[in-house]
N, C-alpha and C. Protein backbone atom coordinates (compact mmCIF):
# COMPACT_ATOMS: atom_id res chain seq x y z
N UNK A 1 7.86 27.86 21.31
CA UNK A 1 7.40 27.19 22.52
C UNK A 1 6.47 26.04 22.12
N UNK A 2 6.63 24.89 22.78
CA UNK A 2 5.82 23.72 22.46
C UNK A 2 4.43 23.84 23.05
N UNK A 3 3.41 23.29 22.36
CA UNK A 3 2.05 23.35 22.89
C UNK A 3 1.92 22.47 24.12
N UNK A 4 0.99 22.81 25.01
CA UNK A 4 0.72 21.99 26.19
C UNK A 4 -0.29 20.93 25.83
N UNK A 5 0.07 19.68 26.10
CA UNK A 5 -0.80 18.55 25.78
C UNK A 5 -0.91 17.70 27.03
N UNK A 6 -2.13 17.27 27.35
CA UNK A 6 -2.29 16.44 28.54
C UNK A 6 -3.41 15.44 28.33
N UNK A 7 -3.56 14.53 29.32
CA UNK A 7 -4.67 13.58 29.32
C UNK A 7 -4.56 12.53 28.24
N UNK A 8 -5.73 12.06 27.73
CA UNK A 8 -5.75 10.96 26.76
C UNK A 8 -4.99 11.29 25.48
N UNK A 9 -5.03 12.55 25.05
CA UNK A 9 -4.30 12.89 23.82
C UNK A 9 -2.81 12.73 24.04
N UNK A 10 -2.29 13.13 25.22
CA UNK A 10 -0.88 12.94 25.51
C UNK A 10 -0.52 11.47 25.48
N UNK A 11 -1.36 10.62 26.08
CA UNK A 11 -1.09 9.18 26.08
C UNK A 11 -1.02 8.64 24.66
N UNK A 12 -1.92 9.09 23.80
CA UNK A 12 -1.91 8.62 22.42
C UNK A 12 -0.68 9.13 21.67
N UNK A 13 -0.30 10.39 21.93
CA UNK A 13 0.91 10.92 21.30
C UNK A 13 2.14 10.16 21.75
N UNK A 14 2.20 9.82 23.04
CA UNK A 14 3.34 9.05 23.54
C UNK A 14 3.39 7.69 22.87
N UNK A 15 2.20 7.07 22.65
CA UNK A 15 2.17 5.79 21.96
C UNK A 15 2.69 5.95 20.53
N UNK A 16 2.24 6.98 19.84
CA UNK A 16 2.70 7.22 18.47
C UNK A 16 4.20 7.50 18.47
N UNK A 17 4.66 8.30 19.45
CA UNK A 17 6.08 8.61 19.52
C UNK A 17 6.90 7.34 19.70
N UNK A 18 6.39 6.37 20.43
CA UNK A 18 7.14 5.15 20.67
C UNK A 18 7.35 4.34 19.40
N UNK A 19 6.61 4.65 18.35
CA UNK A 19 6.72 3.91 17.10
C UNK A 19 7.91 4.33 16.25
N UNK A 20 8.47 5.50 16.48
CA UNK A 20 9.58 5.94 15.65
C UNK A 20 10.34 7.08 16.31
N UNK A 21 11.39 7.51 15.66
CA UNK A 21 12.23 8.58 16.18
C UNK A 21 11.58 9.92 15.88
N UNK A 22 11.36 10.72 16.92
CA UNK A 22 10.89 12.07 16.70
C UNK A 22 11.60 12.98 17.69
N UNK A 23 11.62 14.24 17.40
CA UNK A 23 12.30 15.21 18.25
C UNK A 23 11.27 16.10 18.92
N UNK A 24 10.65 15.59 19.96
CA UNK A 24 9.71 16.36 20.74
C UNK A 24 10.23 16.42 22.17
N UNK A 25 10.96 17.48 22.53
CA UNK A 25 11.59 17.51 23.84
C UNK A 25 10.60 17.48 25.00
N UNK A 26 9.38 17.96 24.83
CA UNK A 26 8.42 17.97 25.93
C UNK A 26 7.78 16.61 26.16
N UNK A 27 7.95 15.67 25.22
CA UNK A 27 7.37 14.33 25.35
C UNK A 27 8.50 13.33 25.56
N UNK A 28 9.04 13.29 26.78
CA UNK A 28 10.21 12.48 27.05
C UNK A 28 9.78 11.10 27.52
N UNK A 29 9.94 10.11 26.66
CA UNK A 29 9.70 8.71 27.01
C UNK A 29 10.73 7.88 26.26
N UNK A 30 10.97 6.63 26.72
CA UNK A 30 11.86 5.76 25.94
C UNK A 30 11.30 5.56 24.53
N UNK A 31 12.15 5.57 23.54
CA UNK A 31 11.72 5.47 22.15
C UNK A 31 12.28 4.20 21.54
N UNK A 32 11.42 3.45 20.85
CA UNK A 32 11.88 2.30 20.08
C UNK A 32 12.55 2.85 18.84
N UNK A 33 13.81 2.53 18.62
CA UNK A 33 14.56 3.09 17.51
C UNK A 33 14.25 2.34 16.21
N UNK A 34 13.96 3.08 15.16
CA UNK A 34 13.74 2.53 13.83
C UNK A 34 14.69 3.23 12.87
N UNK A 35 15.01 2.55 11.79
CA UNK A 35 15.96 3.09 10.83
C UNK A 35 15.37 4.24 10.03
N UNK A 36 14.04 4.36 9.98
CA UNK A 36 13.41 5.34 9.11
C UNK A 36 12.50 6.25 9.91
N UNK A 37 12.93 7.47 10.27
CA UNK A 37 12.06 8.38 11.00
C UNK A 37 10.90 8.84 10.12
N UNK A 38 9.75 9.03 10.73
CA UNK A 38 8.59 9.50 10.00
C UNK A 38 8.46 11.01 10.14
N UNK A 39 7.93 11.66 9.11
CA UNK A 39 7.71 13.10 9.21
C UNK A 39 6.75 13.43 10.35
N UNK A 40 6.99 14.55 11.01
CA UNK A 40 6.18 14.97 12.15
C UNK A 40 4.71 15.12 11.75
N UNK A 41 4.44 15.58 10.52
CA UNK A 41 3.04 15.76 10.10
C UNK A 41 2.28 14.44 10.11
N UNK A 42 2.96 13.34 9.75
CA UNK A 42 2.29 12.04 9.79
C UNK A 42 2.03 11.60 11.22
N UNK A 43 2.96 11.89 12.11
CA UNK A 43 2.75 11.54 13.51
C UNK A 43 1.56 12.29 14.08
N UNK A 44 1.47 13.58 13.75
CA UNK A 44 0.34 14.37 14.25
C UNK A 44 -0.97 13.87 13.67
N UNK A 45 -0.97 13.49 12.41
CA UNK A 45 -2.17 12.95 11.79
C UNK A 45 -2.60 11.67 12.48
N UNK A 46 -1.63 10.80 12.77
CA UNK A 46 -1.95 9.56 13.47
C UNK A 46 -2.46 9.84 14.87
N UNK A 47 -1.82 10.77 15.55
CA UNK A 47 -2.26 11.12 16.90
C UNK A 47 -3.69 11.67 16.88
N UNK A 48 -3.99 12.52 15.90
CA UNK A 48 -5.34 13.06 15.76
C UNK A 48 -6.34 11.92 15.55
N UNK A 49 -5.98 10.98 14.68
CA UNK A 49 -6.86 9.85 14.40
C UNK A 49 -7.06 9.01 15.66
N UNK A 50 -5.97 8.76 16.41
CA UNK A 50 -6.08 7.98 17.64
C UNK A 50 -6.85 8.72 18.71
N UNK A 51 -6.77 10.04 18.72
CA UNK A 51 -7.42 10.83 19.76
C UNK A 51 -8.93 10.91 19.57
N UNK A 52 -9.42 10.58 18.39
CA UNK A 52 -10.85 10.68 18.11
C UNK A 52 -11.48 9.31 17.92
N UNK A 53 -11.12 8.39 18.83
CA UNK A 53 -11.69 7.05 18.78
C UNK A 53 -13.02 7.07 19.51
N UNK A 54 -14.04 6.52 18.90
CA UNK A 54 -15.32 6.37 19.59
C UNK A 54 -15.91 5.02 19.23
N UNK A 55 -17.12 4.76 19.68
CA UNK A 55 -17.74 3.45 19.48
C UNK A 55 -18.13 3.20 18.03
N UNK A 56 -18.30 4.23 17.25
CA UNK A 56 -18.70 4.07 15.86
C UNK A 56 -17.47 3.83 14.99
N UNK A 57 -17.43 2.71 14.26
CA UNK A 57 -16.26 2.48 13.41
C UNK A 57 -16.14 3.56 12.34
N UNK A 58 -14.93 4.03 12.13
CA UNK A 58 -14.67 5.03 11.11
C UNK A 58 -14.35 4.31 9.81
N UNK A 59 -15.07 4.62 8.73
CA UNK A 59 -14.70 3.98 7.48
C UNK A 59 -13.32 4.44 7.03
N UNK A 60 -12.51 3.49 6.64
CA UNK A 60 -11.17 3.76 6.12
C UNK A 60 -10.29 4.54 7.10
N UNK A 61 -10.13 4.04 8.34
CA UNK A 61 -9.29 4.77 9.29
C UNK A 61 -7.81 4.65 8.94
N UNK A 62 -7.03 5.62 9.39
CA UNK A 62 -5.57 5.53 9.28
C UNK A 62 -5.11 4.48 10.27
N UNK A 63 -4.17 3.64 9.86
CA UNK A 63 -3.58 2.66 10.77
C UNK A 63 -2.06 2.70 10.62
N UNK A 64 -1.37 2.25 11.66
CA UNK A 64 0.08 2.12 11.62
C UNK A 64 0.40 0.64 11.49
N UNK A 65 1.12 0.28 10.44
CA UNK A 65 1.56 -1.10 10.27
C UNK A 65 3.08 -1.13 10.25
N UNK A 66 3.64 -2.29 10.52
CA UNK A 66 5.08 -2.49 10.43
C UNK A 66 5.35 -3.09 9.06
N UNK A 67 5.99 -2.33 8.20
CA UNK A 67 6.25 -2.79 6.83
C UNK A 67 7.71 -3.19 6.68
N UNK A 68 7.90 -4.38 6.19
CA UNK A 68 9.26 -4.87 5.91
C UNK A 68 9.29 -5.29 4.45
N UNK A 69 10.34 -4.86 3.75
CA UNK A 69 10.54 -5.26 2.36
C UNK A 69 11.87 -6.00 2.29
N UNK A 70 11.78 -7.29 1.99
CA UNK A 70 12.98 -8.12 1.89
C UNK A 70 13.32 -8.31 0.42
N UNK A 71 14.40 -7.67 -0.02
CA UNK A 71 14.86 -7.83 -1.38
C UNK A 71 15.59 -9.15 -1.56
N UNK A 72 16.16 -9.34 -2.72
CA UNK A 72 16.83 -10.60 -3.01
C UNK A 72 18.02 -10.84 -2.08
N UNK A 73 18.78 -9.79 -1.77
CA UNK A 73 19.99 -9.96 -0.97
C UNK A 73 20.04 -9.14 0.32
N UNK A 74 19.06 -8.28 0.53
CA UNK A 74 19.10 -7.46 1.74
C UNK A 74 17.71 -6.92 2.07
N UNK A 75 17.59 -6.44 3.29
CA UNK A 75 16.36 -5.78 3.72
C UNK A 75 16.35 -4.38 3.13
N UNK A 76 15.31 -4.07 2.38
CA UNK A 76 15.20 -2.76 1.73
C UNK A 76 14.50 -1.74 2.61
N UNK A 77 13.62 -2.20 3.48
CA UNK A 77 12.90 -1.30 4.38
C UNK A 77 12.38 -2.11 5.56
N UNK A 78 12.43 -1.52 6.72
CA UNK A 78 11.85 -2.14 7.91
C UNK A 78 11.45 -1.01 8.84
N UNK A 79 10.17 -0.66 8.83
CA UNK A 79 9.74 0.45 9.67
C UNK A 79 8.24 0.65 9.65
N UNK A 80 7.76 1.56 10.49
CA UNK A 80 6.32 1.82 10.58
C UNK A 80 5.83 2.66 9.40
N UNK A 81 4.59 2.43 9.02
CA UNK A 81 3.97 3.19 7.94
C UNK A 81 2.53 3.51 8.35
N UNK A 82 2.15 4.78 8.20
CA UNK A 82 0.76 5.19 8.37
C UNK A 82 0.07 5.01 7.03
N UNK A 83 -1.06 4.33 7.03
CA UNK A 83 -1.73 4.11 5.75
C UNK A 83 -3.23 4.01 5.94
N UNK A 84 -3.90 4.15 4.83
CA UNK A 84 -5.34 3.91 4.72
C UNK A 84 -5.60 3.61 3.25
N UNK A 85 -6.75 3.07 2.93
CA UNK A 85 -7.07 2.79 1.54
C UNK A 85 -7.11 4.07 0.72
N UNK A 86 -6.56 4.01 -0.50
CA UNK A 86 -6.55 5.18 -1.38
C UNK A 86 -6.23 4.72 -2.80
N UNK A 87 -6.31 5.65 -3.75
CA UNK A 87 -5.92 5.33 -5.12
C UNK A 87 -4.41 5.18 -5.20
N UNK A 88 -3.98 4.20 -5.99
CA UNK A 88 -2.56 3.96 -6.22
C UNK A 88 -2.30 4.15 -7.71
N UNK A 89 -1.19 4.81 -8.03
CA UNK A 89 -0.82 5.03 -9.42
C UNK A 89 0.53 4.39 -9.69
N UNK A 90 0.58 3.56 -10.75
CA UNK A 90 1.86 3.00 -11.20
C UNK A 90 2.01 3.30 -12.68
N UNK A 91 3.24 3.27 -13.16
CA UNK A 91 3.50 3.54 -14.58
C UNK A 91 2.81 2.48 -15.44
N UNK A 92 2.94 1.21 -15.05
CA UNK A 92 2.38 0.11 -15.85
C UNK A 92 0.89 -0.06 -15.70
N UNK A 93 0.35 0.29 -14.53
CA UNK A 93 -1.05 0.00 -14.26
C UNK A 93 -1.99 1.18 -14.27
N UNK A 94 -1.46 2.39 -14.20
CA UNK A 94 -2.32 3.56 -14.15
C UNK A 94 -2.82 3.84 -12.74
N UNK A 95 -3.92 4.60 -12.64
CA UNK A 95 -4.48 5.01 -11.36
C UNK A 95 -5.75 4.22 -11.07
N UNK A 96 -5.75 3.50 -9.92
CA UNK A 96 -6.92 2.68 -9.54
C UNK A 96 -7.09 2.71 -8.03
N UNK A 97 -8.34 2.46 -7.62
CA UNK A 97 -8.58 2.40 -6.18
C UNK A 97 -7.89 1.18 -5.59
N UNK A 98 -7.43 1.32 -4.35
CA UNK A 98 -6.73 0.24 -3.65
C UNK A 98 -7.10 0.34 -2.18
N UNK A 99 -8.38 0.05 -1.91
CA UNK A 99 -8.92 0.33 -0.58
C UNK A 99 -9.76 -0.80 0.00
N UNK A 100 -9.51 -2.02 -0.45
CA UNK A 100 -10.24 -3.16 0.09
C UNK A 100 -11.59 -3.40 -0.55
N UNK A 101 -12.14 -2.38 -1.22
CA UNK A 101 -13.40 -2.59 -1.93
C UNK A 101 -13.16 -3.24 -3.29
N UNK A 102 -11.89 -3.41 -3.64
CA UNK A 102 -11.54 -4.05 -4.91
C UNK A 102 -12.17 -5.44 -4.97
N UNK A 103 -12.73 -5.75 -6.14
CA UNK A 103 -13.36 -7.05 -6.37
C UNK A 103 -14.46 -7.33 -5.33
N UNK A 104 -15.06 -6.26 -4.78
CA UNK A 104 -16.14 -6.35 -3.78
C UNK A 104 -15.74 -7.15 -2.55
N UNK A 105 -14.45 -7.09 -2.18
CA UNK A 105 -13.97 -7.86 -1.03
C UNK A 105 -14.51 -7.30 0.28
N UNK A 106 -14.46 -5.98 0.45
CA UNK A 106 -14.99 -5.33 1.66
C UNK A 106 -16.04 -4.32 1.24
N UNK A 107 -17.03 -4.16 2.09
CA UNK A 107 -18.11 -3.22 1.78
C UNK A 107 -17.64 -1.76 1.88
N UNK A 108 -16.80 -1.49 2.90
CA UNK A 108 -16.30 -0.13 3.12
C UNK A 108 -14.79 -0.11 2.88
N UNK A 109 -14.23 1.06 2.53
CA UNK A 109 -12.78 1.16 2.33
C UNK A 109 -11.99 0.85 3.60
N UNK A 110 -10.85 0.20 3.42
CA UNK A 110 -9.95 -0.14 4.52
C UNK A 110 -8.50 0.03 4.04
N UNK A 111 -7.59 0.02 4.97
CA UNK A 111 -6.17 0.03 4.63
C UNK A 111 -5.80 -1.34 4.07
N UNK A 112 -4.86 -1.36 3.12
CA UNK A 112 -4.47 -2.62 2.47
C UNK A 112 -2.95 -2.74 2.40
N UNK A 113 -2.50 -3.93 2.02
CA UNK A 113 -1.06 -4.17 1.86
C UNK A 113 -0.46 -3.22 0.84
N UNK A 114 -1.10 -3.10 -0.31
CA UNK A 114 -0.55 -2.26 -1.37
C UNK A 114 -0.67 -0.78 -1.05
N UNK A 115 -1.71 -0.39 -0.31
CA UNK A 115 -1.78 1.03 0.10
C UNK A 115 -0.63 1.34 1.05
N UNK A 116 -0.27 0.39 1.92
CA UNK A 116 0.87 0.59 2.83
C UNK A 116 2.17 0.69 2.04
N UNK A 117 2.33 -0.18 1.04
CA UNK A 117 3.53 -0.13 0.20
C UNK A 117 3.62 1.20 -0.54
N UNK A 118 2.50 1.65 -1.09
CA UNK A 118 2.48 2.92 -1.82
C UNK A 118 2.81 4.09 -0.90
N UNK A 119 2.24 4.11 0.31
CA UNK A 119 2.55 5.19 1.25
C UNK A 119 4.03 5.15 1.65
N UNK A 120 4.56 3.95 1.85
CA UNK A 120 5.98 3.83 2.20
C UNK A 120 6.86 4.36 1.07
N UNK A 121 6.49 4.04 -0.16
CA UNK A 121 7.27 4.51 -1.31
C UNK A 121 7.29 6.04 -1.36
N UNK A 122 6.16 6.66 -1.03
CA UNK A 122 6.10 8.13 -1.02
C UNK A 122 6.89 8.72 0.16
N UNK A 123 6.77 8.09 1.32
CA UNK A 123 7.45 8.61 2.51
C UNK A 123 8.96 8.44 2.41
N UNK A 124 9.40 7.25 2.00
CA UNK A 124 10.83 6.92 2.03
C UNK A 124 11.53 7.11 0.69
N UNK A 125 10.76 7.47 -0.34
CA UNK A 125 11.35 7.86 -1.62
C UNK A 125 11.93 6.73 -2.46
N UNK A 126 11.18 5.66 -2.65
CA UNK A 126 11.61 4.61 -3.57
C UNK A 126 10.47 4.30 -4.54
N UNK A 127 10.79 3.60 -5.63
CA UNK A 127 9.81 3.35 -6.66
C UNK A 127 9.11 2.00 -6.53
N UNK A 128 7.85 1.96 -6.99
CA UNK A 128 7.11 0.71 -7.13
C UNK A 128 6.43 0.73 -8.49
N UNK A 129 6.15 -0.45 -9.01
CA UNK A 129 5.42 -0.53 -10.27
C UNK A 129 4.69 -1.86 -10.33
N UNK A 130 3.68 -1.91 -11.18
CA UNK A 130 2.93 -3.13 -11.37
C UNK A 130 1.76 -2.89 -12.29
N UNK A 131 1.41 -3.92 -13.04
CA UNK A 131 0.25 -3.85 -13.93
C UNK A 131 -1.03 -3.98 -13.11
N UNK A 132 -2.11 -3.46 -13.67
CA UNK A 132 -3.42 -3.61 -13.03
C UNK A 132 -4.24 -4.60 -13.85
N UNK A 133 -4.77 -5.62 -13.19
CA UNK A 133 -5.55 -6.65 -13.86
C UNK A 133 -7.02 -6.45 -13.57
N UNK A 134 -7.76 -6.02 -14.59
CA UNK A 134 -9.19 -5.72 -14.44
C UNK A 134 -10.00 -6.90 -13.90
N UNK A 135 -9.78 -8.16 -14.39
CA UNK A 135 -10.60 -9.27 -13.87
C UNK A 135 -10.46 -9.47 -12.35
N UNK A 136 -9.28 -9.18 -11.82
CA UNK A 136 -9.04 -9.31 -10.37
C UNK A 136 -9.26 -8.01 -9.65
N UNK A 137 -9.36 -6.91 -10.41
CA UNK A 137 -9.52 -5.58 -9.83
C UNK A 137 -8.38 -5.28 -8.86
N UNK A 138 -7.15 -5.62 -9.28
CA UNK A 138 -6.01 -5.47 -8.37
C UNK A 138 -4.71 -5.32 -9.16
N UNK A 139 -3.72 -4.74 -8.47
CA UNK A 139 -2.38 -4.62 -9.04
C UNK A 139 -1.60 -5.91 -8.85
N UNK A 140 -0.71 -6.19 -9.78
CA UNK A 140 0.31 -7.23 -9.60
C UNK A 140 1.64 -6.49 -9.53
N UNK A 141 2.10 -6.25 -8.30
CA UNK A 141 3.33 -5.48 -8.09
C UNK A 141 4.52 -6.33 -8.51
N UNK A 142 5.31 -5.80 -9.45
CA UNK A 142 6.48 -6.56 -9.92
C UNK A 142 7.80 -5.80 -9.78
N UNK A 143 7.75 -4.59 -9.22
CA UNK A 143 8.96 -3.79 -9.06
C UNK A 143 8.86 -3.00 -7.77
N UNK A 144 9.85 -3.22 -6.87
CA UNK A 144 9.90 -2.47 -5.61
C UNK A 144 11.34 -2.09 -5.35
N UNK A 145 11.57 -0.81 -5.13
CA UNK A 145 12.87 -0.32 -4.65
C UNK A 145 14.03 -0.83 -5.51
N UNK A 146 13.85 -0.82 -6.84
CA UNK A 146 14.93 -1.21 -7.74
C UNK A 146 15.01 -2.69 -8.06
N UNK A 147 14.14 -3.52 -7.49
CA UNK A 147 14.19 -4.96 -7.74
C UNK A 147 12.97 -5.40 -8.55
N UNK A 148 13.25 -5.95 -9.74
CA UNK A 148 12.21 -6.33 -10.70
C UNK A 148 11.97 -7.83 -10.66
N UNK A 149 10.70 -8.22 -10.59
CA UNK A 149 10.33 -9.63 -10.61
C UNK A 149 10.67 -10.24 -11.97
N UNK A 150 11.26 -11.44 -11.95
CA UNK A 150 11.57 -12.15 -13.19
C UNK A 150 11.35 -13.64 -12.96
N UNK A 151 10.72 -14.32 -13.92
CA UNK A 151 10.53 -15.77 -13.82
C UNK A 151 9.85 -16.17 -12.52
N UNK A 152 10.51 -17.07 -11.76
CA UNK A 152 9.95 -17.54 -10.50
C UNK A 152 10.20 -16.58 -9.34
N UNK A 153 11.00 -15.58 -9.56
CA UNK A 153 11.27 -14.60 -8.51
C UNK A 153 10.31 -13.45 -8.64
N UNK A 154 9.27 -13.48 -7.83
CA UNK A 154 8.30 -12.40 -7.84
C UNK A 154 8.06 -11.95 -6.40
N UNK A 155 7.35 -10.84 -6.26
CA UNK A 155 7.09 -10.29 -4.94
C UNK A 155 5.89 -10.99 -4.31
N UNK A 156 6.10 -11.55 -3.12
CA UNK A 156 5.03 -12.22 -2.38
C UNK A 156 4.66 -11.34 -1.19
N UNK A 157 3.39 -11.42 -0.78
CA UNK A 157 2.90 -10.59 0.31
C UNK A 157 2.48 -11.49 1.48
N UNK A 158 2.88 -11.07 2.68
CA UNK A 158 2.53 -11.79 3.90
C UNK A 158 2.03 -10.79 4.93
N UNK A 159 1.03 -11.22 5.71
CA UNK A 159 0.55 -10.44 6.85
C UNK A 159 0.76 -11.31 8.08
N UNK A 160 1.52 -10.80 9.04
CA UNK A 160 1.82 -11.54 10.26
C UNK A 160 2.36 -12.94 9.94
N UNK A 161 3.28 -12.98 8.97
CA UNK A 161 3.99 -14.19 8.53
C UNK A 161 3.10 -15.23 7.86
N UNK A 162 1.90 -14.83 7.44
CA UNK A 162 1.00 -15.73 6.72
C UNK A 162 0.80 -15.17 5.31
N UNK A 163 0.98 -16.04 4.31
CA UNK A 163 0.81 -15.61 2.93
C UNK A 163 -0.63 -15.13 2.71
N UNK A 164 -0.76 -14.05 1.95
CA UNK A 164 -2.10 -13.52 1.68
C UNK A 164 -2.82 -14.41 0.67
N UNK A 165 -4.13 -14.47 0.80
CA UNK A 165 -4.95 -15.25 -0.13
C UNK A 165 -5.53 -14.40 -1.25
N UNK A 166 -5.49 -13.09 -1.06
CA UNK A 166 -6.07 -12.17 -2.02
C UNK A 166 -5.00 -11.22 -2.53
N UNK A 167 -5.37 -10.36 -3.46
CA UNK A 167 -4.44 -9.36 -3.96
C UNK A 167 -4.14 -8.29 -2.92
N UNK A 168 -3.08 -7.53 -3.16
CA UNK A 168 -2.62 -6.52 -2.22
C UNK A 168 -3.59 -5.38 -1.99
N UNK A 169 -4.50 -5.13 -2.92
CA UNK A 169 -5.50 -4.07 -2.73
C UNK A 169 -6.79 -4.62 -2.12
N UNK A 170 -6.83 -5.92 -1.89
CA UNK A 170 -8.01 -6.55 -1.29
C UNK A 170 -7.78 -6.96 0.15
N UNK A 171 -6.53 -7.31 0.48
CA UNK A 171 -6.21 -7.76 1.84
C UNK A 171 -6.17 -6.58 2.80
N UNK A 172 -7.01 -6.62 3.81
CA UNK A 172 -7.04 -5.56 4.82
C UNK A 172 -5.87 -5.71 5.78
N UNK A 173 -5.27 -4.58 6.15
CA UNK A 173 -4.28 -4.57 7.21
C UNK A 173 -4.83 -3.76 8.36
N UNK A 174 -4.49 -4.21 9.56
CA UNK A 174 -4.98 -3.55 10.77
C UNK A 174 -3.81 -3.00 11.56
N UNK A 175 -4.11 -2.17 12.53
CA UNK A 175 -3.07 -1.53 13.34
C UNK A 175 -2.13 -2.59 13.92
N UNK A 176 -0.83 -2.33 13.81
CA UNK A 176 0.25 -3.16 14.33
C UNK A 176 0.49 -4.44 13.55
N UNK A 177 -0.20 -4.64 12.44
CA UNK A 177 0.09 -5.82 11.61
C UNK A 177 1.51 -5.75 11.08
N UNK A 178 2.14 -6.90 10.91
CA UNK A 178 3.43 -7.00 10.26
C UNK A 178 3.18 -7.35 8.80
N UNK A 179 3.47 -6.42 7.92
CA UNK A 179 3.27 -6.62 6.49
C UNK A 179 4.64 -6.84 5.85
N UNK A 180 4.76 -7.92 5.11
CA UNK A 180 6.04 -8.27 4.48
C UNK A 180 5.85 -8.43 2.98
N UNK A 181 6.66 -7.73 2.22
CA UNK A 181 6.80 -7.96 0.79
C UNK A 181 8.16 -8.65 0.63
N UNK A 182 8.15 -9.90 0.16
CA UNK A 182 9.39 -10.68 0.06
C UNK A 182 9.63 -11.07 -1.39
N UNK A 183 10.86 -10.90 -1.84
CA UNK A 183 11.22 -11.17 -3.23
C UNK A 183 11.65 -12.63 -3.39
N UNK A 184 11.05 -13.33 -4.35
CA UNK A 184 11.44 -14.70 -4.67
C UNK A 184 11.35 -15.63 -3.49
N UNK A 185 12.43 -16.34 -3.22
CA UNK A 185 12.47 -17.32 -2.13
C UNK A 185 12.99 -16.72 -0.84
N UNK A 186 12.98 -15.41 -0.74
CA UNK A 186 13.55 -14.73 0.42
C UNK A 186 12.76 -15.02 1.68
N UNK A 187 11.47 -15.36 1.56
CA UNK A 187 10.63 -15.53 2.74
C UNK A 187 11.23 -16.55 3.70
N UNK A 188 11.77 -17.66 3.19
CA UNK A 188 12.35 -18.67 4.07
C UNK A 188 13.54 -18.09 4.83
N UNK A 189 14.39 -17.32 4.16
CA UNK A 189 15.53 -16.71 4.81
C UNK A 189 15.06 -15.73 5.89
N UNK A 190 13.98 -15.00 5.60
CA UNK A 190 13.43 -14.05 6.56
C UNK A 190 12.95 -14.77 7.81
N UNK A 191 12.26 -15.90 7.63
CA UNK A 191 11.77 -16.69 8.77
C UNK A 191 12.95 -17.15 9.62
N UNK A 192 14.01 -17.63 8.98
CA UNK A 192 15.18 -18.07 9.74
C UNK A 192 15.77 -16.93 10.54
N UNK A 193 15.82 -15.74 9.95
CA UNK A 193 16.34 -14.57 10.66
C UNK A 193 15.50 -14.28 11.90
N UNK A 194 14.16 -14.38 11.74
CA UNK A 194 13.27 -14.09 12.85
C UNK A 194 13.45 -15.14 13.97
N UNK A 195 13.60 -16.41 13.60
CA UNK A 195 13.74 -17.48 14.59
C UNK A 195 15.06 -17.34 15.32
N UNK A 196 16.13 -17.01 14.61
CA UNK A 196 17.45 -16.87 15.24
C UNK A 196 17.50 -15.65 16.16
N UNK A 197 16.76 -14.61 15.86
CA UNK A 197 16.76 -13.39 16.67
C UNK A 197 16.02 -13.61 17.94
């Protein structure tokens, strides 16, 4: 039997449900269809986080971002990701913090582009890699979902269609941001796709 949920928590759950496909028969609302369903545990975690909003900012809150990964010839991922700043581990770079405090960019931990990519890799089961550069206190991601950066073709990061000025562990992402990792010159093709749609 499903639990009874009402009031503000129900509204927040319905909002979270609208972000992806879930099978909750007691919460019947129109659902925005995404290619990648999220595990129910992540939805509940997000709902819990949304249900406990107050006037005091929470350091390093969970946020939902729209993550798109445009490979050289196709879209590798396009869907919502729950993320917050955390340590990221890669084969080439080892384990390092990736929470916006990198290079003293933010005073408190926040969700970042690379933390979103790392969470997506864990949720959707694909690989990422990149070296860690101590002087920048950040990763240089060069491998995502089977596509390796070579020469002039490297992975570029955009937030809301604007190129980032900082590294992926320094750039903060906020709820509902569109985060794009684009391979090589793919960004122009992606923009054309968005304009035509």
